[in-house]
C-alpha atoms as a PDB file:
ATOM      1  CA  UNK A   1       0.091  -0.005  -0.108  1.00  0.00           C
ATOM      2  CA  UNK A   2       1.286   3.531  -0.862  1.00  0.00           C
ATOM      3  CA  UNK A   3       0.182   6.417   1.229  1.00  0.00           C
ATOM      4  CA  UNK A   4       0.813  10.105   0.399  1.00  0.00           C
ATOM      5  CA  UNK A   5       0.931  11.385   4.008  1.00  0.00           C
ATOM      6  CA  UNK A   6       1.336   8.118   6.258  1.00  0.00           C
ATOM      7  CA  UNK A   7       2.199   9.844   9.444  1.00  0.00           C
ATOM      8  CA  UNK A   8      -0.596  12.233   9.169  1.00  0.00           C
ATOM      9  CA  UNK A   9      -3.039   9.531   8.401  1.00  0.00           C
ATOM     10  CA  UNK A  10      -1.900   7.320  11.053  1.00  0.00           C
ATOM     11  CA  UNK A  11      -1.952  10.035  13.674  1.00  0.00           C
ATOM     12  CA  UNK A  12      -5.555  11.184  12.633  1.00  0.00           C
ATOM     13  CA  UNK A  13      -6.602   7.387  12.419  1.00  0.00           C
ATOM     14  CA  UNK A  14      -5.562   6.530  15.775  1.00  0.00           C
ATOM     15  CA  UNK A  15      -7.119   9.855  17.282  1.00  0.00           C
ATOM     16  CA  UNK A  16     -10.232   8.931  15.516  1.00  0.00           C
ATOM     17  CA  UNK A  17     -10.085   5.342  16.455  1.00  0.00           C
ATOM     18  CA  UNK A  18      -9.886   5.893  20.403  1.00  0.00           C
ATOM     19  CA  UNK A  19     -12.122   8.796  20.433  1.00  0.00           C
ATOM     20  CA  UNK A  20     -15.045   8.201  18.326  1.00  0.00           C
ATOM     21  CA  UNK A  21     -17.815   9.533  20.407  1.00  0.00           C
ATOM     22  CA  UNK A  22     -16.336  11.648  23.199  1.00  0.00           C
ATOM     23  CA  UNK A  23     -14.304  15.134  23.119  1.00  0.00           C
ATOM     24  CA  UNK A  24     -11.046  13.951  24.432  1.00  0.00           C
ATOM     25  CA  UNK A  25      -9.542  10.714  26.241  1.00  0.00           C
ATOM     26  CA  UNK A  26      -6.757  10.877  28.657  1.00  0.00           C
ATOM     27  CA  UNK A  27      -4.457   8.003  28.616  1.00  0.00           C
ATOM     28  CA  UNK A  28      -1.591   8.578  31.024  1.00  0.00           C
ATOM     29  CA  UNK A  29       0.137  11.564  29.964  1.00  0.00           C
ATOM     30  CA  UNK A  30      -1.305  11.390  26.501  1.00  0.00           C
ATOM     31  CA  UNK A  31      -4.543  13.239  25.334  1.00  0.00           C
ATOM     32  CA  UNK A  32      -6.413  12.067  22.313  1.00  0.00           C
ATOM     33  CA  UNK A  33      -9.152  14.550  21.036  1.00  0.00           C
ATOM     34  CA  UNK A  34     -11.960  13.823  18.729  1.00  0.00           C
ATOM     35  CA  UNK A  35     -11.128  16.787  16.247  1.00  0.00           C
ATOM     36  CA  UNK A  36     -14.948  17.672  15.511  1.00  0.00           C
ATOM     37  CA  UNK A  37     -15.839  17.706  19.165  1.00  0.00           C
ATOM     38  CA  UNK A  38     -12.726  19.549  20.247  1.00  0.00           C
ATOM     39  CA  UNK A  39     -13.234  22.093  17.884  1.00  0.00           C
ATOM     40  CA  UNK A  40     -13.840  25.641  19.502  1.00  0.00           C
ATOM     41  CA  UNK A  41     -14.922  27.713  16.542  1.00  0.00           C
ATOM     42  CA  UNK A  42     -17.234  27.237  13.578  1.00  0.00           C
ATOM     43  CA  UNK A  43     -14.218  27.147  11.032  1.00  0.00           C
ATOM     44  CA  UNK A  44     -12.065  24.818  13.190  1.00  0.00           C
ATOM     45  CA  UNK A  45     -15.176  22.281  13.196  1.00  0.00           C
ATOM     46  CA  UNK A  46     -15.294  22.670   9.386  1.00  0.00           C
ATOM     47  CA  UNK A  47     -11.423  22.043   8.963  1.00  0.00           C
ATOM     48  CA  UNK A  48     -11.904  19.167  11.241  1.00  0.00           C
ATOM     49  CA  UNK A  49     -14.681  17.511   9.179  1.00  0.00           C
ATOM     50  CA  UNK A  50     -12.422  18.250   5.998  1.00  0.00           C
ATOM     51  CA  UNK A  51      -9.493  16.684   7.583  1.00  0.00           C
ATOM     52  CA  UNK A  52     -11.546  13.465   8.609  1.00  0.00           C
ATOM     53  CA  UNK A  53     -12.763  13.394   4.847  1.00  0.00           C
ATOM     54  CA  UNK A  54      -9.101  13.574   3.455  1.00  0.00           C
ATOM     55  CA  UNK A  55      -7.795  10.981   5.869  1.00  0.00           C
ATOM     56  CA  UNK A  56     -10.803   8.538   5.186  1.00  0.00           C
ATOM     57  CA  UNK A  57     -10.341   9.191   1.333  1.00  0.00           C
ATOM     58  CA  UNK A  58      -6.591   8.297   1.733  1.00  0.00           C
ATOM     59  CA  UNK A  59      -7.457   5.084   3.654  1.00  0.00           C
ATOM     60  CA  UNK A  60     -10.151   4.162   1.215  1.00  0.00           C
ATOM     61  CA  UNK A  61      -7.765   4.600  -1.968  1.00  0.00           C
ATOM     62  CA  UNK A  62      -5.525   1.936   0.007  1.00  0.00           C
ATOM     63  CA  UNK A  63      -8.276  -0.366   0.463  1.00  0.00           C
ATOM     64  CA  UNK A  64      -9.447  -0.143  -3.165  1.00  0.00           C
ATOM     65  CA  UNK A  65      -5.947  -0.939  -4.350  1.00  0.00           C
ATOM     66  CA  UNK A  66      -5.600  -3.934  -1.937  1.00  0.00           C
ATOM     67  CA  UNK A  67      -6.149  -7.118  -4.176  1.00  0.00           C
ATOM     68  CA  UNK A  68      -7.483  -8.960  -1.088  1.00  0.00           C
ATOM     69  CA  UNK A  69     -10.245  -6.597  -0.416  1.00  0.00           C
ATOM     70  CA  UNK A  70     -13.671  -8.002  -1.460  1.00  0.00           C
ATOM     71  CA  UNK A  71     -15.002  -6.264  -4.706  1.00  0.00           C
ATOM     72  CA  UNK A  72     -18.417  -5.848  -2.890  1.00  0.00           C
ATOM     73  CA  UNK A  73     -16.760  -3.914  -0.085  1.00  0.00           C
ATOM     74  CA  UNK A  74     -14.765  -1.692  -2.788  1.00  0.00           C
ATOM     75  CA  UNK A  75     -17.795  -0.745  -4.497  1.00  0.00           C
ATOM     76  CA  UNK A  76     -19.525   0.350  -1.229  1.00  0.00           C
ATOM     77  CA  UNK A  77     -16.255   2.635  -0.447  1.00  0.00           C
ATOM     78  CA  UNK A  78     -16.953   3.880  -4.115  1.00  0.00           C
ATOM     79  CA  UNK A  79     -20.612   4.745  -3.561  1.00  0.00           C
ATOM     80  CA  UNK A  80     -19.513   6.210  -0.096  1.00  0.00           C
ATOM     81  CA  UNK A  81     -16.926   8.382  -1.714  1.00  0.00           C
ATOM     82  CA  UNK A  82     -19.282   9.401  -4.567  1.00  0.00           C
ATOM     83  CA  UNK A  83     -21.863  10.911  -1.901  1.00  0.00           C
ATOM     84  CA  UNK A  84     -19.193  12.138   0.615  1.00  0.00           C
ATOM     85  CA  UNK A  85     -16.922  14.002  -1.980  1.00  0.00           C
ATOM     86  CA  UNK A  86     -19.464  16.806  -3.118  1.00  0.00           C
ATOM     87  CA  UNK A  87     -20.457  17.264   0.609  1.00  0.00           C
ATOM     88  CA  UNK A  88     -16.817  18.028   1.370  1.00  0.00           C
ATOM     89  CA  UNK A  89     -16.503  20.151  -1.648  1.00  0.00           C
ATOM     90  CA  UNK A  90     -19.420  22.412  -0.702  1.00  0.00           C
ATOM     91  CA  UNK A  91     -18.132  22.328   2.855  1.00  0.00           C
ATOM     92  CA  UNK A  92     -14.626  23.567   1.475  1.00  0.00           C
ATOM     93  CA  UNK A  93     -16.411  26.513  -0.414  1.00  0.00           C
ATOM     94  CA  UNK A  94     -18.432  27.517   2.574  1.00  0.00           C
ATOM     95  CA  UNK A  95     -15.549  27.601   4.965  1.00  0.00           C
ATOM     96  CA  UNK A  96     -13.472  29.605   2.531  1.00  0.00           C
ATOM     97  CA  UNK A  97     -16.555  32.185   2.185  1.00  0.00           C
ATOM     98  CA  UNK A  98     -17.014  32.251   6.034  1.00  0.00           C
ATOM     99  CA  UNK A  99     -13.055  32.907   6.648  1.00  0.00           C
ATOM    100  CA  UNK A 100     -13.193  35.801   3.808  1.00  0.00           C
ATOM    101  CA  UNK A 101     -16.257  37.205   5.399  1.00  0.00           C
ATOM    102  CA  UNK A 102     -14.537  37.137   8.939  1.00  0.00           C
ATOM    103  CA  UNK A 103     -11.633  38.863   7.624  1.00  0.00           C
ATOM    104  CA  UNK A 104     -13.750  41.414   5.872  1.00  0.00           C
ATOM    105  CA  UNK A 105     -15.536  42.120   9.168  1.00  0.00           C
ATOM    106  CA  UNK A 106     -12.618  42.480  11.090  1.00  0.00           C
ATOM    107  CA  UNK A 107     -10.832  44.718   8.374  1.00  0.00           C
ATOM    108  CA  UNK A 108     -13.747  47.194   8.697  1.00  0.00           C
ATOM    109  CA  UNK A 109     -13.909  47.468  12.464  1.00  0.00           C
ATOM    110  CA  UNK A 110     -13.159  51.291  12.465  1.00  0.00           C
ATOM    111  CA  UNK A 111     -15.386  51.992   9.279  1.00  0.00           C
ATOM    112  CA  UNK A 112     -18.827  53.656   9.269  1.00  0.00           C
ATOM    113  CA  UNK A 113     -22.238  52.162  10.682  1.00  0.00           C
ATOM    114  CA  UNK A 114     -23.351  51.087   7.122  1.00  0.00           C
ATOM    115  CA  UNK A 115     -20.155  49.602   6.142  1.00  0.00           C
ATOM    116  CA  UNK A 116     -19.853  47.600   9.449  1.00  0.00           C
ATOM    117  CA  UNK A 117     -23.669  46.421   9.307  1.00  0.00           C
ATOM    118  CA  UNK A 118     -23.018  44.983   5.617  1.00  0.00           C
ATOM    119  CA  UNK A 119     -19.875  43.346   6.919  1.00  0.00           C
ATOM    120  CA  UNK A 120     -21.841  42.048   9.968  1.00  0.00           C
ATOM    121  CA  UNK A 121     -24.686  40.858   7.664  1.00  0.00           C
ATOM    122  CA  UNK A 122     -22.349  39.031   5.349  1.00  0.00           C
ATOM    123  CA  UNK A 123     -20.671  37.248   8.296  1.00  0.00           C
ATOM    124  CA  UNK A 124     -23.940  36.138   9.622  1.00  0.00           C
ATOM    125  CA  UNK A 125     -24.945  34.787   6.196  1.00  0.00           C
ATOM    126  CA  UNK A 126     -21.408  33.089   5.818  1.00  0.00           C
ATOM    127  CA  UNK A 127     -21.790  31.600   9.497  1.00  0.00           C
ATOM    128  CA  UNK A 128     -25.220  30.033   8.656  1.00  0.00           C
ATOM    129  CA  UNK A 129     -24.185  28.583   5.310  1.00  0.00           C
ATOM    130  CA  UNK A 130     -21.127  27.105   6.871  1.00  0.00           C
ATOM    131  CA  UNK A 131     -23.195  25.714   9.646  1.00  0.00           C
ATOM    132  CA  UNK A 132     -25.551  24.113   7.233  1.00  0.00           C
ATOM    133  CA  UNK A 133     -22.599  22.771   5.206  1.00  0.00           C
ATOM    134  CA  UNK A 134     -21.093  21.078   8.008  1.00  0.00           C
ATOM    135  CA  UNK A 135     -24.280  19.358   9.285  1.00  0.00           C
ATOM    136  CA  UNK A 136     -24.798  18.277   5.711  1.00  0.00           C
ATOM    137  CA  UNK A 137     -21.388  16.830   5.226  1.00  0.00           C
ATOM    138  CA  UNK A 138     -21.016  14.963   8.500  1.00  0.00           C
ATOM    139  CA  UNK A 139     -23.471  11.977   7.741  1.00  0.00           C
ATOM    140  CA  UNK A 140     -21.835  11.013   4.314  1.00  0.00           C
ATOM    141  CA  UNK A 141     -18.418  11.471   5.642  1.00  0.00           C
ATOM    142  CA  UNK A 142     -19.313   9.523   8.773  1.00  0.00           C
ATOM    143  CA  UNK A 143     -20.491   6.649   6.236  1.00  0.00           C
ATOM    144  CA  UNK A 144     -17.328   6.752   4.651  1.00  0.00           C
ATOM    145  CA  UNK A 145     -15.384   6.668   7.789  1.00  0.00           C
ATOM    146  CA  UNK A 146     -17.691   3.774   9.410  1.00  0.00           C
ATOM    147  CA  UNK A 147     -16.699   1.837   6.137  1.00  0.00           C
ATOM    148  CA  UNK A 148     -12.897   2.259   6.458  1.00  0.00           C
ATOM    149  CA  UNK A 149     -12.995   1.478  10.130  1.00  0.00           C
ATOM    150  CA  UNK A 150     -15.053  -1.660   9.420  1.00  0.00           C
ATOM    151  CA  UNK A 151     -12.307  -2.885   6.924  1.00  0.00           C
ATOM    152  CA  UNK A 152      -9.557  -1.837   9.521  1.00  0.00           C
ATOM    153  CA  UNK A 153     -11.382  -4.339  11.918  1.00  0.00           C
END
């Protein structure tokens, strides 16, 4: 199997495997955090979901290249990827728009009231769209993640 970023995928995989349902887990001096639950801001949450997607796509590609993986499982991964990818792409667009709107808002902090109100409205709209994109992306990405984890055992 060939991985483009094996250390990143391994670290994220371990973190996801040991903390699937909680925000964090403390084992001795080591603390593992579920990146989505641990995110403190909307854009951090979006980036966490996108990073999970990227790691799962990388692992799914390795599974598909594995000649010992059942063809039915490979098809299921392909179907899950076809559903998750558009959701992840939409999320990436939404997070980019949100970050841009937030920067614009922060850039007009000393401006006139109408300019400030327009920037605040744009930021509010971008935040709502990002929140909706996160909510829409999580189920298909979780489906992909569940399939990858099922193959890992």
